[in-house]
Amino acid sequence: MNQFRPNLGNIPPVVKNLIIINVLLLAATWIMEKAGINLVDYLGLHNPQSDKFMLHQIFTHMFMHDTRSIFHIFFNMFALWMFGRVLESVWGSKRFLMYYLITGVGAAALHTFVNYISIASMQNALEAFANTPSPQLLDQFVQKHLQRPTVQVMDFINSWYDNPANSSFAIEGQRLMERIFQLNIDIATVGASGAVFGILLAFGMLFPNTQLMLIFPPIPIKAKYFVIGYGVVELYLGLTQPGSNIAHFAHLGGMLFGFILIKYWNKSTKNFY
């Protein structure tokens, strides 16, 4: 049984250039932030209902990362380097780049679809509140769609619970829900994670019995079980933590489109690669 031991040298051109582009854009984002310009507004993926949405963001978001978390880009680039260069060596640069971009766009597609369902649910909640405003409905909306509500927001809700007949609370509650709704629409998605998860999926399919050494816990595991386990965890977290900062369904989208693309290549070509 083979155990995967990454070689520090011989980085193929597409993987090397993808890493360089991601690092340069992270540096550019940080520099522009100091100048008062947020590159994420232009290159991060926004909801199509947002005024900040632009078509090119479907592609550019996968080269952007959050400057507040260096671990985000580190782990993405580390996985790209570790597994991507193996795939590029097997497939060739052209096919690997095609796979990377398609899985990245596929991740954006599934993430946007799930967001569309979430936004539709928020719109229904807004309509229900407008018809019958109550502190209970506001409380449910805040808990579901606002991460880490401020003390002021929770104090406002508790005050309304204490005085439910006061109509001024209903008016202010409506405004609060609309602000939360707009905040959710304007949230940008950034990162190469969708494409990276596609790469993990491909590695698990091409080298299913290759052993990987986990860090926590430090035990060996076959690539196929690692990929399956990661996919199950992402699905669970996506369903149970819909308001998370992590785009779990983007990760699943990268894996799903990667699986479909590999199966298509496997059927349409004599050789898998």
C-alpha atoms as a PDB file:
ATOM      1  CA  MET A   1       0.000   0.000   0.000  1.00  0.00           C
ATOM      2  CA  ASN A   2       1.402   3.395  -0.997  1.00  0.00           C
ATOM      3  CA  GLN A   3       1.722   6.202   1.501  1.00  0.00           C
ATOM      4  CA  PHE A   4       1.565   9.716   0.126  1.00  0.00           C
ATOM      5  CA  ARG A   5       4.769  11.672   0.833  1.00  0.00           C
ATOM      6  CA  PRO A   6       4.801  15.105  -0.806  1.00  0.00           C
ATOM      7  CA  ASN A   7       7.982  16.165  -2.611  1.00  0.00           C
ATOM      8  CA  LEU A   8       8.964  19.752  -1.943  1.00  0.00           C
ATOM      9  CA  GLY A   9      10.290  20.336  -5.449  1.00  0.00           C
ATOM     10  CA  ASN A  10       9.054  20.082  -9.013  1.00  0.00           C
ATOM     11  CA  ILE A  11       5.926  22.220  -8.768  1.00  0.00           C
ATOM     12  CA  PRO A  12       4.153  22.090 -12.154  1.00  0.00           C
ATOM     13  CA  PRO A  13       3.326  25.404 -13.873  1.00  0.00           C
ATOM     14  CA  VAL A  14      -0.442  25.673 -13.316  1.00  0.00           C
ATOM     15  CA  VAL A  15      -0.262  24.887  -9.603  1.00  0.00           C
ATOM     16  CA  LYS A  16       2.679  27.275  -9.194  1.00  0.00           C
ATOM     17  CA  ASN A  17       0.936  30.103 -11.035  1.00  0.00           C
ATOM     18  CA  LEU A  18      -2.352  29.567  -9.201  1.00  0.00           C
ATOM     19  CA  ILE A  19      -0.552  29.865  -5.880  1.00  0.00           C
ATOM     20  CA  ILE A  20       1.262  33.003  -7.052  1.00  0.00           C
ATOM     21  CA  ILE A  21      -1.982  34.624  -8.256  1.00  0.00           C
ATOM     22  CA  ASN A  22      -3.773  33.881  -4.976  1.00  0.00           C
ATOM     23  CA  VAL A  23      -0.917  35.249  -2.872  1.00  0.00           C
ATOM     24  CA  LEU A  24      -0.545  38.376  -5.020  1.00  0.00           C
ATOM     25  CA  LEU A  25      -4.281  39.107  -4.844  1.00  0.00           C
ATOM     26  CA  LEU A  26      -4.243  38.643  -1.081  1.00  0.00           C
ATOM     27  CA  ALA A  27      -1.400  41.181  -0.861  1.00  0.00           C
ATOM     28  CA  ALA A  28      -3.230  43.537  -3.230  1.00  0.00           C
ATOM     29  CA  THR A  29      -6.414  43.244  -1.161  1.00  0.00           C
ATOM     30  CA  TRP A  30      -4.508  44.105   2.008  1.00  0.00           C
ATOM     31  CA  ILE A  31      -2.747  47.084   0.377  1.00  0.00           C
ATOM     32  CA  MET A  32      -5.977  48.419  -1.138  1.00  0.00           C
ATOM     33  CA  GLU A  33      -7.743  48.096   2.220  1.00  0.00           C
ATOM     34  CA  LYS A  34      -5.146  50.463   3.656  1.00  0.00           C
ATOM     35  CA  ALA A  35      -6.080  52.903   0.873  1.00  0.00           C
ATOM     36  CA  GLY A  36      -9.780  52.595   1.680  1.00  0.00           C
ATOM     37  CA  ILE A  37     -10.663  50.390  -1.291  1.00  0.00           C
ATOM     38  CA  ASN A  38     -12.232  46.980  -0.718  1.00  0.00           C
ATOM     39  CA  LEU A  39     -11.284  44.660  -3.593  1.00  0.00           C
ATOM     40  CA  VAL A  40     -13.705  42.050  -2.260  1.00  0.00           C
ATOM     41  CA  ASP A  41     -16.579  44.338  -3.302  1.00  0.00           C
ATOM     42  CA  TYR A  42     -15.403  43.979  -6.907  1.00  0.00           C
ATOM     43  CA  LEU A  43     -13.888  40.494  -7.052  1.00  0.00           C
ATOM     44  CA  GLY A  44     -15.704  38.539  -4.326  1.00  0.00           C
ATOM     45  CA  LEU A  45     -18.839  36.608  -5.256  1.00  0.00           C
ATOM     46  CA  HIS A  46     -22.043  38.443  -4.295  1.00  0.00           C
ATOM     47  CA  ASN A  47     -25.606  37.270  -4.407  1.00  0.00           C
ATOM     48  CA  PRO A  48     -27.231  38.082  -7.796  1.00  0.00           C
ATOM     49  CA  GLN A  49     -29.836  40.122  -5.886  1.00  0.00           C
ATOM     50  CA  SER A  50     -27.141  42.395  -4.498  1.00  0.00           C
ATOM     51  CA  ASP A  51     -26.244  45.686  -6.180  1.00  0.00           C
ATOM     52  CA  LYS A  52     -22.604  44.608  -5.820  1.00  0.00           C
ATOM     53  CA  PHE A  53     -23.003  41.517  -8.004  1.00  0.00           C
ATOM     54  CA  MET A  54     -21.015  41.431 -11.258  1.00  0.00           C
ATOM     55  CA  LEU A  55     -20.778  38.499 -13.650  1.00  0.00           C
ATOM     56  CA  HIS A  56     -16.981  38.221 -13.528  1.00  0.00           C
ATOM     57  CA  GLN A  57     -17.184  37.482  -9.787  1.00  0.00           C
ATOM     58  CA  ILE A  58     -18.182  33.896 -10.646  1.00  0.00           C
ATOM     59  CA  PHE A  59     -14.536  33.393 -11.664  1.00  0.00           C
ATOM     60  CA  THR A  60     -12.610  35.980  -9.658  1.00  0.00           C
ATOM     61  CA  HIS A  61     -13.928  34.944  -6.228  1.00  0.00           C
ATOM     62  CA  MET A  62     -11.849  31.747  -6.310  1.00  0.00           C
ATOM     63  CA  PHE A  63      -8.621  33.781  -6.349  1.00  0.00           C
ATOM     64  CA  MET A  64      -9.570  35.986  -3.404  1.00  0.00           C
ATOM     65  CA  HIS A  65      -9.118  35.309   0.314  1.00  0.00           C
ATOM     66  CA  ASP A  66     -10.005  36.982   3.587  1.00  0.00           C
ATOM     67  CA  THR A  67      -7.106  39.123   4.797  1.00  0.00           C
ATOM     68  CA  ARG A  68      -8.303  38.658   8.382  1.00  0.00           C
ATOM     69  CA  SER A  69      -7.481  34.933   8.342  1.00  0.00           C
ATOM     70  CA  ILE A  70      -4.091  33.897   7.001  1.00  0.00           C
ATOM     71  CA  PHE A  71      -5.014  30.277   7.735  1.00  0.00           C
ATOM     72  CA  HIS A  72      -7.715  30.434   5.048  1.00  0.00           C
ATOM     73  CA  ILE A  73      -5.281  30.956   2.199  1.00  0.00           C
ATOM     74  CA  PHE A  74      -2.539  28.855   3.829  1.00  0.00           C
ATOM     75  CA  PHE A  75      -4.593  25.665   4.016  1.00  0.00           C
ATOM     76  CA  ASN A  76      -6.081  26.207   0.555  1.00  0.00           C
ATOM     77  CA  MET A  77      -2.687  26.743  -1.050  1.00  0.00           C
ATOM     78  CA  PHE A  78      -1.126  23.908   0.930  1.00  0.00           C
ATOM     79  CA  ALA A  79      -3.799  21.483  -0.323  1.00  0.00           C
ATOM     80  CA  LEU A  80      -3.457  22.855  -3.851  1.00  0.00           C
ATOM     81  CA  TRP A  81       0.291  22.297  -3.704  1.00  0.00           C
ATOM     82  CA  MET A  82       0.101  18.871  -2.064  1.00  0.00           C
ATOM     83  CA  PHE A  83      -2.619  17.272  -4.198  1.00  0.00           C
ATOM     84  CA  GLY A  84      -2.898  19.574  -7.214  1.00  0.00           C
ATOM     85  CA  ARG A  85       0.612  19.004  -8.470  1.00  0.00           C
ATOM     86  CA  VAL A  86       0.022  15.247  -8.454  1.00  0.00           C
ATOM     87  CA  LEU A  87      -3.116  15.681 -10.546  1.00  0.00           C
ATOM     88  CA  GLU A  88      -1.424  18.120 -12.924  1.00  0.00           C
ATOM     89  CA  SER A  89       1.403  15.630 -13.426  1.00  0.00           C
ATOM     90  CA  VAL A  90      -1.140  12.913 -14.246  1.00  0.00           C
ATOM     91  CA  TRP A  91      -3.610  14.929 -16.338  1.00  0.00           C
ATOM     92  CA  GLY A  92      -1.367  17.539 -17.846  1.00  0.00           C
ATOM     93  CA  SER A  93      -1.570  21.277 -17.299  1.00  0.00           C
ATOM     94  CA  LYS A  94      -4.441  22.016 -19.693  1.00  0.00           C
ATOM     95  CA  ARG A  95      -6.830  19.432 -18.291  1.00  0.00           C
ATOM     96  CA  PHE A  96      -5.897  20.236 -14.706  1.00  0.00           C
ATOM     97  CA  LEU A  97      -6.570  23.955 -15.214  1.00  0.00           C
ATOM     98  CA  MET A  98      -9.903  23.148 -16.855  1.00  0.00           C
ATOM     99  CA  TYR A  99     -10.832  20.925 -13.918  1.00  0.00           C
ATOM    100  CA  TYR A 100      -9.799  23.564 -11.381  1.00  0.00           C
ATOM    101  CA  LEU A 101     -11.853  26.322 -13.013  1.00  0.00           C
ATOM    102  CA  ILE A 102     -14.930  24.149 -13.613  1.00  0.00           C
ATOM    103  CA  THR A 103     -15.021  22.914 -10.022  1.00  0.00           C
ATOM    104  CA  GLY A 104     -14.537  26.485  -8.778  1.00  0.00           C
ATOM    105  CA  VAL A 105     -17.455  27.714 -10.883  1.00  0.00           C
ATOM    106  CA  GLY A 106     -19.497  24.664  -9.856  1.00  0.00           C
ATOM    107  CA  ALA A 107     -18.861  25.512  -6.214  1.00  0.00           C
ATOM    108  CA  ALA A 108     -20.124  29.047  -6.864  1.00  0.00           C
ATOM    109  CA  ALA A 109     -23.213  27.685  -8.630  1.00  0.00           C
ATOM    110  CA  LEU A 110     -24.293  25.396  -5.781  1.00  0.00           C
ATOM    111  CA  HIS A 111     -23.479  28.015  -3.159  1.00  0.00           C
ATOM    112  CA  THR A 112     -25.539  30.625  -5.038  1.00  0.00           C
ATOM    113  CA  PHE A 113     -28.462  28.211  -5.404  1.00  0.00           C
ATOM    114  CA  VAL A 114     -28.481  27.431  -1.674  1.00  0.00           C
ATOM    115  CA  ASN A 115     -28.229  31.156  -0.933  1.00  0.00           C
ATOM    116  CA  TYR A 116     -31.201  31.780  -3.226  1.00  0.00           C
ATOM    117  CA  ILE A 117     -33.284  29.362  -1.149  1.00  0.00           C
ATOM    118  CA  SER A 118     -32.109  31.049   2.051  1.00  0.00           C
ATOM    119  CA  ILE A 119     -32.908  34.534   0.720  1.00  0.00           C
ATOM    120  CA  ALA A 120     -36.372  33.366  -0.365  1.00  0.00           C
ATOM    121  CA  SER A 121     -36.943  32.038   3.164  1.00  0.00           C
ATOM    122  CA  MET A 122     -35.898  35.400   4.616  1.00  0.00           C
ATOM    123  CA  GLN A 123     -38.309  37.207   2.296  1.00  0.00           C
ATOM    124  CA  ASN A 124     -41.138  34.961   3.466  1.00  0.00           C
ATOM    125  CA  ALA A 125     -40.214  35.673   7.073  1.00  0.00           C
ATOM    126  CA  LEU A 126     -40.261  39.418   6.375  1.00  0.00           C
ATOM    127  CA  GLU A 127     -43.728  39.155   4.848  1.00  0.00           C
ATOM    128  CA  ALA A 128     -44.997  37.096   7.777  1.00  0.00           C
ATOM    129  CA  PHE A 129     -43.616  39.662  10.216  1.00  0.00           C
ATOM    130  CA  ALA A 130     -45.203  42.547   8.299  1.00  0.00           C
ATOM    131  CA  ASN A 131     -48.592  40.830   8.561  1.00  0.00           C
ATOM    132  CA  THR A 132     -48.327  39.863  12.233  1.00  0.00           C
ATOM    133  CA  PRO A 133     -45.343  41.531  13.939  1.00  0.00           C
ATOM    134  CA  SER A 134     -44.246  39.911  17.170  1.00  0.00           C
ATOM    135  CA  PRO A 135     -41.081  39.669  19.294  1.00  0.00           C
ATOM    136  CA  GLN A 136     -41.098  35.904  18.780  1.00  0.00           C
ATOM    137  CA  LEU A 137     -40.827  36.209  14.989  1.00  0.00           C
ATOM    138  CA  LEU A 138     -38.118  38.850  15.286  1.00  0.00           C
ATOM    139  CA  ASP A 139     -36.193  36.727  17.785  1.00  0.00           C
ATOM    140  CA  GLN A 140     -36.320  33.685  15.475  1.00  0.00           C
ATOM    141  CA  PHE A 141     -35.196  35.753  12.490  1.00  0.00           C
ATOM    142  CA  VAL A 142     -32.265  37.282  14.373  1.00  0.00           C
ATOM    143  CA  GLN A 143     -31.082  33.956  15.781  1.00  0.00           C
ATOM    144  CA  LYS A 144     -31.181  32.319  12.360  1.00  0.00           C
ATOM    145  CA  HIS A 145     -29.779  35.053  10.131  1.00  0.00           C
ATOM    146  CA  LEU A 146     -27.583  37.305  12.290  1.00  0.00           C
ATOM    147  CA  GLN A 147     -24.323  35.897  13.573  1.00  0.00           C
ATOM    148  CA  ARG A 148     -23.335  37.065  17.027  1.00  0.00           C
ATOM    149  CA  PRO A 149     -26.224  39.506  17.668  1.00  0.00           C
ATOM    150  CA  THR A 150     -25.116  42.574  19.593  1.00  0.00           C
ATOM    151  CA  VAL A 151     -26.199  43.312  23.151  1.00  0.00           C
ATOM    152  CA  GLN A 152     -28.280  46.217  21.840  1.00  0.00           C
ATOM    153  CA  VAL A 153     -30.220  43.959  19.481  1.00  0.00           C
ATOM    154  CA  MET A 154     -30.943  41.390  22.187  1.00  0.00           C
ATOM    155  CA  ASP A 155     -31.903  44.103  24.667  1.00  0.00           C
ATOM    156  CA  PHE A 156     -34.351  45.507  22.109  1.00  0.00           C
ATOM    157  CA  ILE A 157     -35.971  42.097  21.612  1.00  0.00           C
ATOM    158  CA  ASN A 158     -36.202  41.495  25.368  1.00  0.00           C
ATOM    159  CA  SER A 159     -37.766  44.933  25.862  1.00  0.00           C
ATOM    160  CA  TRP A 160     -40.397  44.083  23.258  1.00  0.00           C
ATOM    161  CA  TYR A 161     -41.131  40.789  25.041  1.00  0.00           C
ATOM    162  CA  ASP A 162     -41.769  42.864  28.188  1.00  0.00           C
ATOM    163  CA  ASN A 163     -44.069  45.285  26.346  1.00  0.00           C
ATOM    164  CA  PRO A 164     -45.601  43.408  23.363  1.00  0.00           C
ATOM    165  CA  ALA A 165     -48.441  45.902  22.791  1.00  0.00           C
ATOM    166  CA  ASN A 166     -46.116  48.826  21.987  1.00  0.00           C
ATOM    167  CA  SER A 167     -46.437  49.449  18.238  1.00  0.00           C
ATOM    168  CA  SER A 168     -43.136  51.352  18.051  1.00  0.00           C
ATOM    169  CA  PHE A 169     -41.296  48.080  18.670  1.00  0.00           C
ATOM    170  CA  ALA A 170     -42.962  46.567  15.606  1.00  0.00           C
ATOM    171  CA  ILE A 171     -41.817  49.444  13.380  1.00  0.00           C
ATOM    172  CA  GLU A 172     -38.249  49.304  14.627  1.00  0.00           C
ATOM    173  CA  GLY A 173     -38.298  45.504  14.430  1.00  0.00           C
ATOM    174  CA  GLN A 174     -39.277  45.714  10.769  1.00  0.00           C
ATOM    175  CA  ARG A 175     -36.358  48.051  10.095  1.00  0.00           C
ATOM    176  CA  LEU A 176     -33.973  45.731  11.933  1.00  0.00           C
ATOM    177  CA  MET A 177     -35.077  42.728   9.886  1.00  0.00           C
ATOM    178  CA  GLU A 178     -34.673  44.668   6.640  1.00  0.00           C
ATOM    179  CA  ARG A 179     -31.130  45.658   7.639  1.00  0.00           C
ATOM    180  CA  ILE A 180     -30.269  42.041   8.428  1.00  0.00           C
ATOM    181  CA  PHE A 181     -31.788  40.970   5.112  1.00  0.00           C
ATOM    182  CA  GLN A 182     -29.680  43.471   3.184  1.00  0.00           C
ATOM    183  CA  LEU A 183     -26.592  42.492   5.145  1.00  0.00           C
ATOM    184  CA  ASN A 184     -27.053  38.865   4.134  1.00  0.00           C
ATOM    185  CA  ILE A 185     -27.566  39.760   0.482  1.00  0.00           C
ATOM    186  CA  ASP A 186     -24.373  41.828   0.421  1.00  0.00           C
ATOM    187  CA  ILE A 187     -22.121  39.181   2.014  1.00  0.00           C
ATOM    188  CA  ALA A 188     -19.320  38.251  -0.381  1.00  0.00           C
ATOM    189  CA  THR A 189     -17.938  34.738  -0.793  1.00  0.00           C
ATOM    190  CA  VAL A 190     -14.206  34.408  -1.397  1.00  0.00           C
ATOM    191  CA  GLY A 191     -11.650  31.626  -1.516  1.00  0.00           C
ATOM    192  CA  ALA A 192     -10.314  28.745  -3.553  1.00  0.00           C
ATOM    193  CA  SER A 193     -11.934  26.199  -1.253  1.00  0.00           C
ATOM    194  CA  GLY A 194     -14.506  24.996  -3.785  1.00  0.00           C
ATOM    195  CA  ALA A 195     -11.847  24.171  -6.375  1.00  0.00           C
ATOM    196  CA  VAL A 196      -9.578  22.729  -3.679  1.00  0.00           C
ATOM    197  CA  PHE A 197     -12.325  20.384  -2.517  1.00  0.00           C
ATOM    198  CA  GLY A 198     -12.711  19.340  -6.141  1.00  0.00           C
ATOM    199  CA  ILE A 199      -9.003  18.523  -6.140  1.00  0.00           C
ATOM    200  CA  LEU A 200      -9.370  16.455  -2.962  1.00  0.00           C
ATOM    201  CA  LEU A 201     -12.226  14.559  -4.600  1.00  0.00           C
ATOM    202  CA  ALA A 202     -10.163  13.885  -7.721  1.00  0.00           C
ATOM    203  CA  PHE A 203      -7.182  12.671  -5.701  1.00  0.00           C
ATOM    204  CA  GLY A 204      -9.433  10.294  -3.778  1.00  0.00           C
ATOM    205  CA  MET A 205     -10.874   8.919  -7.014  1.00  0.00           C
ATOM    206  CA  LEU A 206      -7.535   8.498  -8.803  1.00  0.00           C
ATOM    207  CA  PHE A 207      -5.600   7.216  -5.814  1.00  0.00           C
ATOM    208  CA  PRO A 208      -8.268   5.733  -3.519  1.00  0.00           C
ATOM    209  CA  ASN A 209      -5.976   3.428  -1.546  1.00  0.00           C
ATOM    210  CA  THR A 210      -3.126   5.877  -1.041  1.00  0.00           C
ATOM    211  CA  GLN A 211      -2.613   6.498   2.657  1.00  0.00           C
ATOM    212  CA  LEU A 212      -2.731  10.038   3.968  1.00  0.00           C
ATOM    213  CA  MET A 213      -1.430  10.988   7.387  1.00  0.00           C
ATOM    214  CA  LEU A 214      -3.863  13.110   9.352  1.00  0.00           C
ATOM    215  CA  ILE A 215      -2.627  15.809  11.683  1.00  0.00           C
ATOM    216  CA  PHE A 216      -5.477  15.586  14.205  1.00  0.00           C
ATOM    217  CA  PRO A 217      -5.483  12.758  15.125  1.00  0.00           C
ATOM    218  CA  PRO A 218      -2.084  11.645  13.742  1.00  0.00           C
ATOM    219  CA  ILE A 219      -3.280   8.446  12.104  1.00  0.00           C
ATOM    220  CA  PRO A 220      -3.074   7.119   8.526  1.00  0.00           C
ATOM    221  CA  ILE A 221      -6.233   6.924   6.437  1.00  0.00           C
ATOM    222  CA  LYS A 222      -6.924   5.876   2.868  1.00  0.00           C
ATOM    223  CA  ALA A 223      -7.632   8.767   0.510  1.00  0.00           C
ATOM    224  CA  LYS A 224     -11.084   7.444  -0.428  1.00  0.00           C
ATOM    225  CA  TYR A 225     -12.223   7.335   3.194  1.00  0.00           C
ATOM    226  CA  PHE A 226     -10.736  10.762   3.858  1.00  0.00           C
ATOM    227  CA  VAL A 227     -12.682  12.281   0.956  1.00  0.00           C
ATOM    228  CA  ILE A 228     -15.939  10.519   1.853  1.00  0.00           C
ATOM    229  CA  GLY A 229     -15.617  11.554   5.494  1.00  0.00           C
ATOM    230  CA  TYR A 230     -14.852  15.154   4.577  1.00  0.00           C
ATOM    231  CA  GLY A 231     -17.872  15.251   2.262  1.00  0.00           C
ATOM    232  CA  VAL A 232     -20.195  13.880   4.950  1.00  0.00           C
ATOM    233  CA  VAL A 233     -18.916  16.403   7.489  1.00  0.00           C
ATOM    234  CA  GLU A 234     -19.413  19.284   5.035  1.00  0.00           C
ATOM    235  CA  LEU A 235     -22.970  18.151   4.271  1.00  0.00           C
ATOM    236  CA  TYR A 236     -23.788  17.879   7.976  1.00  0.00           C
ATOM    237  CA  LEU A 237     -22.346  21.312   8.753  1.00  0.00           C
ATOM    238  CA  GLY A 238     -24.069  22.854   5.732  1.00  0.00           C
ATOM    239  CA  LEU A 239     -27.448  21.579   6.902  1.00  0.00           C
ATOM    240  CA  THR A 240     -27.013  22.305  10.619  1.00  0.00           C
ATOM    241  CA  GLN A 241     -25.123  25.625  10.394  1.00  0.00           C
ATOM    242  CA  PRO A 242     -26.775  27.572   7.559  1.00  0.00           C
ATOM    243  CA  GLY A 243     -25.596  30.931   8.895  1.00  0.00           C
ATOM    244  CA  SER A 244     -21.943  29.958   9.187  1.00  0.00           C
ATOM    245  CA  ASN A 245     -19.140  32.082   7.737  1.00  0.00           C
ATOM    246  CA  ILE A 246     -17.874  28.931   6.010  1.00  0.00           C
ATOM    247  CA  ALA A 247     -19.485  28.182   2.633  1.00  0.00           C
ATOM    248  CA  HIS A 248     -20.014  24.460   3.194  1.00  0.00           C
ATOM    249  CA  PHE A 249     -22.174  24.030   0.108  1.00  0.00           C
ATOM    250  CA  ALA A 250     -19.483  25.673  -2.015  1.00  0.00           C
ATOM    251  CA  HIS A 251     -17.140  22.914  -0.840  1.00  0.00           C
ATOM    252  CA  LEU A 252     -19.745  20.313  -1.716  1.00  0.00           C
ATOM    253  CA  GLY A 253     -20.317  22.010  -5.075  1.00  0.00           C
ATOM    254  CA  GLY A 254     -16.634  21.669  -5.928  1.00  0.00           C
ATOM    255  CA  MET A 255     -16.741  17.970  -5.051  1.00  0.00           C
ATOM    256  CA  LEU A 256     -20.009  17.384  -6.916  1.00  0.00           C
ATOM    257  CA  PHE A 257     -18.906  19.053 -10.140  1.00  0.00           C
ATOM    258  CA  GLY A 258     -15.523  17.356  -9.869  1.00  0.00           C
ATOM    259  CA  PHE A 259     -17.206  13.960  -9.594  1.00  0.00           C
ATOM    260  CA  ILE A 260     -19.442  14.674 -12.601  1.00  0.00           C
ATOM    261  CA  LEU A 261     -16.523  15.929 -14.698  1.00  0.00           C
ATOM    262  CA  ILE A 262     -14.314  12.936 -13.878  1.00  0.00           C
ATOM    263  CA  LYS A 263     -17.117  10.512 -14.697  1.00  0.00           C
ATOM    264  CA  TYR A 264     -17.695  12.325 -17.999  1.00  0.00           C
ATOM    265  CA  TRP A 265     -14.015  12.181 -18.902  1.00  0.00           C
ATOM    266  CA  ASN A 266     -13.893   8.541 -17.933  1.00  0.00           C
ATOM    267  CA  LYS A 267     -16.732   7.698 -20.300  1.00  0.00           C
ATOM    268  CA  SER A 268     -15.776   9.955 -23.197  1.00  0.00           C
ATOM    269  CA  THR A 269     -12.080   9.048 -23.409  1.00  0.00           C
ATOM    270  CA  LYS A 270     -10.341   5.724 -23.752  1.00  0.00           C
ATOM    271  CA  ASN A 271      -7.920   6.560 -20.964  1.00  0.00           C
ATOM    272  CA  PHE A 272      -8.917   8.310 -17.735  1.00  0.00           C
ATOM    273  CA  TYR A 273      -6.155  10.892 -18.140  1.00  0.00           C
END
